N, C-alpha and C. Protein backbone atom coordinates (compact mmCIF):
# COMPACT_ATOMS: atom_id res chain seq x y z
N MET A 1 0.84 -1.18 0.00
CA MET A 1 0.00 0.00 0.00
C MET A 1 0.89 1.24 0.00
N THR A 2 0.56 2.20 -0.85
CA THR A 2 1.33 3.44 -0.94
C THR A 2 1.28 4.20 0.38
N VAL A 3 2.43 4.72 0.78
CA VAL A 3 2.55 5.52 2.01
C VAL A 3 2.90 6.94 1.60
N TYR A 4 2.17 7.90 2.16
CA TYR A 4 2.38 9.31 1.88
C TYR A 4 2.91 9.99 3.14
N LEU A 5 3.84 10.91 2.95
CA LEU A 5 4.38 11.70 4.06
C LEU A 5 4.35 13.17 3.68
N ILE A 6 4.10 13.99 4.68
CA ILE A 6 4.29 15.43 4.52
C ILE A 6 5.23 15.85 5.65
N ALA A 7 6.36 16.42 5.26
CA ALA A 7 7.35 16.87 6.23
C ALA A 7 7.43 18.39 6.19
N SER A 8 7.41 18.99 7.36
CA SER A 8 7.51 20.44 7.50
C SER A 8 8.89 20.77 8.04
N ILE A 9 9.58 21.68 7.35
CA ILE A 9 10.94 22.07 7.73
C ILE A 9 10.95 23.58 7.90
N THR A 10 11.31 24.03 9.10
CA THR A 10 11.34 25.46 9.39
C THR A 10 12.77 25.90 9.70
N PRO A 11 13.42 26.53 8.72
CA PRO A 11 14.79 26.98 8.96
C PRO A 11 14.84 28.27 9.77
N LYS A 12 15.97 28.50 10.40
CA LYS A 12 16.23 29.80 10.99
C LYS A 12 16.32 30.80 9.83
N PRO A 13 15.87 32.03 10.02
CA PRO A 13 15.85 33.00 8.91
C PRO A 13 17.19 33.15 8.20
N GLU A 14 18.27 33.10 8.93
CA GLU A 14 19.58 33.29 8.32
C GLU A 14 20.08 32.04 7.55
N HIS A 15 19.32 30.95 7.64
CA HIS A 15 19.74 29.71 6.98
C HIS A 15 18.73 29.20 5.95
N VAL A 16 17.82 30.04 5.51
CA VAL A 16 16.82 29.62 4.53
C VAL A 16 17.49 29.11 3.26
N ALA A 17 18.43 29.86 2.73
CA ALA A 17 19.11 29.45 1.49
C ALA A 17 19.91 28.16 1.69
N ASP A 18 20.57 28.03 2.84
CA ASP A 18 21.33 26.81 3.13
C ASP A 18 20.42 25.59 3.16
N VAL A 19 19.29 25.73 3.85
CA VAL A 19 18.35 24.61 3.96
C VAL A 19 17.77 24.27 2.58
N GLU A 20 17.46 25.29 1.80
CA GLU A 20 16.93 25.01 0.46
C GLU A 20 17.94 24.26 -0.40
N THR A 21 19.18 24.69 -0.38
CA THR A 21 20.22 24.02 -1.17
C THR A 21 20.39 22.57 -0.72
N LEU A 22 20.47 22.34 0.57
CA LEU A 22 20.63 21.00 1.11
C LEU A 22 19.42 20.13 0.78
N THR A 23 18.24 20.70 0.88
CA THR A 23 17.01 19.93 0.62
C THR A 23 16.87 19.62 -0.86
N ARG A 24 17.26 20.54 -1.72
CA ARG A 24 17.22 20.25 -3.17
C ARG A 24 18.14 19.07 -3.51
N ASP A 25 19.28 18.99 -2.86
CA ASP A 25 20.18 17.85 -3.06
C ASP A 25 19.50 16.56 -2.58
N MET A 26 18.82 16.65 -1.46
CA MET A 26 18.09 15.50 -0.92
C MET A 26 17.02 15.05 -1.92
N VAL A 27 16.33 15.99 -2.53
CA VAL A 27 15.29 15.67 -3.52
C VAL A 27 15.92 14.87 -4.67
N THR A 28 17.04 15.33 -5.18
CA THR A 28 17.71 14.66 -6.30
C THR A 28 18.02 13.21 -5.96
N HIS A 29 18.57 12.97 -4.79
CA HIS A 29 18.93 11.60 -4.39
C HIS A 29 17.69 10.75 -4.10
N THR A 30 16.73 11.31 -3.41
CA THR A 30 15.56 10.53 -3.00
C THR A 30 14.72 10.10 -4.19
N ARG A 31 14.60 10.94 -5.19
CA ARG A 31 13.82 10.57 -6.39
C ARG A 31 14.41 9.37 -7.11
N LYS A 32 15.67 9.05 -6.86
CA LYS A 32 16.32 7.90 -7.49
C LYS A 32 16.15 6.61 -6.68
N GLU A 33 15.59 6.70 -5.48
CA GLU A 33 15.40 5.50 -4.65
C GLU A 33 14.38 4.58 -5.31
N PRO A 34 14.61 3.27 -5.30
CA PRO A 34 13.71 2.33 -5.97
C PRO A 34 12.26 2.40 -5.48
N GLY A 35 12.02 2.63 -4.21
CA GLY A 35 10.66 2.63 -3.68
C GLY A 35 9.99 3.99 -3.64
N ASN A 36 10.68 5.02 -4.14
CA ASN A 36 10.11 6.36 -4.10
C ASN A 36 9.22 6.60 -5.32
N LEU A 37 8.01 7.10 -5.07
CA LEU A 37 7.08 7.43 -6.14
C LEU A 37 7.02 8.93 -6.40
N ARG A 38 7.27 9.71 -5.35
CA ARG A 38 7.16 11.17 -5.48
C ARG A 38 7.92 11.81 -4.32
N TYR A 39 8.60 12.91 -4.62
CA TYR A 39 9.33 13.66 -3.60
C TYR A 39 9.40 15.10 -4.07
N ASP A 40 8.49 15.90 -3.59
CA ASP A 40 8.35 17.29 -4.05
C ASP A 40 8.68 18.27 -2.93
N LEU A 41 9.43 19.30 -3.27
CA LEU A 41 9.80 20.36 -2.34
C LEU A 41 8.91 21.56 -2.61
N LEU A 42 8.27 22.05 -1.56
CA LEU A 42 7.40 23.22 -1.65
C LEU A 42 7.84 24.26 -0.63
N ARG A 43 7.56 25.51 -0.94
CA ARG A 43 7.92 26.63 -0.06
C ARG A 43 6.62 27.28 0.43
N ARG A 44 6.66 27.82 1.62
CA ARG A 44 5.51 28.56 2.13
C ARG A 44 5.21 29.75 1.22
N ALA A 45 3.96 29.94 0.88
CA ALA A 45 3.56 31.02 -0.03
C ALA A 45 3.46 32.37 0.66
N ASP A 46 3.40 32.37 1.99
CA ASP A 46 3.24 33.64 2.70
C ASP A 46 4.56 34.36 2.97
N GLY A 47 5.67 33.79 2.48
CA GLY A 47 6.97 34.43 2.66
C GLY A 47 7.69 34.05 3.93
N ALA A 48 7.02 33.38 4.85
CA ALA A 48 7.68 32.95 6.08
C ALA A 48 8.70 31.86 5.74
N PRO A 49 9.78 31.76 6.51
CA PRO A 49 10.77 30.73 6.21
C PRO A 49 10.22 29.34 6.53
N GLY A 50 9.97 28.57 5.52
CA GLY A 50 9.46 27.23 5.75
C GLY A 50 9.31 26.45 4.45
N PHE A 51 9.62 25.17 4.53
CA PHE A 51 9.52 24.27 3.39
C PHE A 51 8.68 23.06 3.78
N TYR A 52 8.11 22.43 2.78
CA TYR A 52 7.38 21.19 2.97
C TYR A 52 7.87 20.19 1.94
N LEU A 53 7.92 18.94 2.33
CA LEU A 53 8.21 17.86 1.41
C LEU A 53 6.96 16.99 1.33
N TYR A 54 6.50 16.77 0.10
CA TYR A 54 5.39 15.85 -0.14
C TYR A 54 6.02 14.60 -0.72
N GLU A 55 5.85 13.48 -0.02
CA GLU A 55 6.54 12.25 -0.36
C GLU A 55 5.55 11.11 -0.56
N ALA A 56 5.85 10.22 -1.47
CA ALA A 56 5.06 9.01 -1.65
C ALA A 56 6.01 7.85 -1.91
N TYR A 57 5.75 6.74 -1.24
CA TYR A 57 6.58 5.54 -1.35
C TYR A 57 5.68 4.32 -1.60
N VAL A 58 6.24 3.30 -2.21
CA VAL A 58 5.46 2.11 -2.55
C VAL A 58 4.94 1.39 -1.31
N ASP A 59 5.68 1.47 -0.20
CA ASP A 59 5.24 0.81 1.03
C ASP A 59 6.10 1.32 2.20
N GLU A 60 5.81 0.81 3.39
CA GLU A 60 6.55 1.25 4.57
C GLU A 60 8.02 0.82 4.53
N ALA A 61 8.30 -0.29 3.87
CA ALA A 61 9.70 -0.72 3.73
C ALA A 61 10.50 0.30 2.93
N ALA A 62 9.88 0.90 1.92
CA ALA A 62 10.56 1.93 1.12
C ALA A 62 10.81 3.18 1.96
N VAL A 63 9.86 3.52 2.84
CA VAL A 63 10.06 4.66 3.75
C VAL A 63 11.25 4.37 4.66
N GLN A 64 11.30 3.16 5.19
CA GLN A 64 12.39 2.80 6.09
C GLN A 64 13.73 2.80 5.34
N ALA A 65 13.73 2.32 4.10
CA ALA A 65 14.96 2.34 3.30
C ALA A 65 15.43 3.78 3.08
N HIS A 66 14.48 4.68 2.85
CA HIS A 66 14.82 6.10 2.70
C HIS A 66 15.47 6.63 3.97
N ARG A 67 14.87 6.31 5.10
CA ARG A 67 15.39 6.80 6.38
C ARG A 67 16.75 6.21 6.73
N GLU A 68 17.08 5.08 6.13
CA GLU A 68 18.37 4.44 6.38
C GLU A 68 19.42 4.77 5.31
N SER A 69 19.04 5.57 4.32
CA SER A 69 19.95 5.90 3.23
C SER A 69 21.06 6.85 3.71
N ALA A 70 22.18 6.77 3.02
CA ALA A 70 23.32 7.64 3.35
C ALA A 70 22.98 9.11 3.14
N HIS A 71 22.24 9.42 2.08
CA HIS A 71 21.92 10.83 1.83
C HIS A 71 20.95 11.39 2.88
N TYR A 72 20.06 10.56 3.40
CA TYR A 72 19.16 11.01 4.46
C TYR A 72 19.95 11.26 5.75
N ALA A 73 20.85 10.35 6.08
CA ALA A 73 21.68 10.52 7.28
C ALA A 73 22.53 11.78 7.17
N ALA A 74 23.10 12.02 6.01
CA ALA A 74 23.93 13.22 5.82
C ALA A 74 23.08 14.48 5.93
N PHE A 75 21.88 14.44 5.36
CA PHE A 75 20.96 15.58 5.44
C PHE A 75 20.65 15.89 6.91
N ARG A 76 20.24 14.88 7.65
CA ARG A 76 19.87 15.08 9.06
C ARG A 76 21.04 15.60 9.88
N ALA A 77 22.23 15.11 9.61
CA ALA A 77 23.42 15.54 10.35
C ALA A 77 23.74 17.00 10.09
N GLN A 78 23.54 17.45 8.87
CA GLN A 78 23.92 18.82 8.52
C GLN A 78 22.82 19.83 8.80
N VAL A 79 21.57 19.49 8.60
CA VAL A 79 20.49 20.47 8.66
C VAL A 79 20.13 20.88 10.09
N GLY A 80 20.39 20.04 11.05
CA GLY A 80 19.93 20.28 12.42
C GLY A 80 20.24 21.66 12.99
N ALA A 81 21.46 22.14 12.83
CA ALA A 81 21.84 23.43 13.39
C ALA A 81 21.20 24.60 12.67
N TRP A 82 20.66 24.36 11.49
CA TRP A 82 20.06 25.42 10.68
C TRP A 82 18.55 25.56 10.89
N LEU A 83 17.97 24.69 11.70
CA LEU A 83 16.52 24.68 11.88
C LEU A 83 16.07 25.43 13.12
N ALA A 84 14.93 26.09 12.99
CA ALA A 84 14.33 26.81 14.12
C ALA A 84 13.61 25.83 15.05
N GLN A 85 13.21 24.68 14.52
CA GLN A 85 12.53 23.65 15.30
C GLN A 85 12.73 22.32 14.58
N PRO A 86 12.55 21.21 15.28
CA PRO A 86 12.71 19.92 14.62
C PRO A 86 11.69 19.73 13.49
N PRO A 87 12.06 19.01 12.45
CA PRO A 87 11.08 18.74 11.38
C PRO A 87 9.87 17.98 11.93
N GLU A 88 8.72 18.25 11.35
CA GLU A 88 7.50 17.53 11.70
C GLU A 88 7.11 16.68 10.51
N VAL A 89 6.93 15.39 10.73
CA VAL A 89 6.58 14.46 9.65
C VAL A 89 5.25 13.80 9.99
N THR A 90 4.33 13.86 9.04
CA THR A 90 3.02 13.22 9.19
C THR A 90 2.91 12.12 8.15
N MET A 91 2.58 10.91 8.60
CA MET A 91 2.37 9.79 7.69
C MET A 91 0.87 9.69 7.39
N LEU A 92 0.56 9.50 6.10
CA LEU A 92 -0.84 9.47 5.66
C LEU A 92 -1.10 8.24 4.80
N THR A 93 -2.36 7.85 4.72
CA THR A 93 -2.77 6.82 3.77
C THR A 93 -3.76 7.46 2.81
N GLY A 94 -3.76 6.99 1.59
CA GLY A 94 -4.61 7.56 0.57
C GLY A 94 -6.08 7.19 0.76
N VAL A 95 -6.94 8.12 0.43
CA VAL A 95 -8.39 7.88 0.45
C VAL A 95 -8.93 7.99 -0.97
N ASP A 96 -8.62 9.07 -1.67
CA ASP A 96 -9.05 9.29 -3.04
C ASP A 96 -7.93 10.04 -3.75
N ILE A 97 -7.04 9.29 -4.38
CA ILE A 97 -5.83 9.85 -4.97
C ILE A 97 -5.95 9.87 -6.49
N ALA A 98 -5.67 11.02 -7.10
CA ALA A 98 -5.70 11.15 -8.55
C ALA A 98 -4.45 10.50 -9.15
N ASP A 99 -4.56 10.00 -10.34
CA ASP A 99 -3.40 9.43 -11.04
C ASP A 99 -2.50 10.53 -11.53
C-alpha cells in the first residue's frame, strides 16, 4: 500500500538558502530511490521561512529504506543546526488519490 508523508521544515531565517540548497540535493537523491514514487519540495507562499516535502513511497519498507539511506543521514546531520525547530513528519494513507 502506498505511504504518503508530509514533512515540515522550518529553517532559521539566516539559513533559509542553506536549507533550500541541502534539501534540493536530498530531492535529487531521493527521487532515485527504488521505492520512491514522489518527492516534491514546496515553499511557504506567505513568505515565512518554511519548506514542505510531499513524499510518496510504494510501502513502509521503502520509507524505512529512505530513512536508512546515506543521503538522508547526511541531510539530518547537517540540517539540524540550521533549523528553528525539529522537522515535523506526518504519515498518511490515501483515500481518493488522482493518477
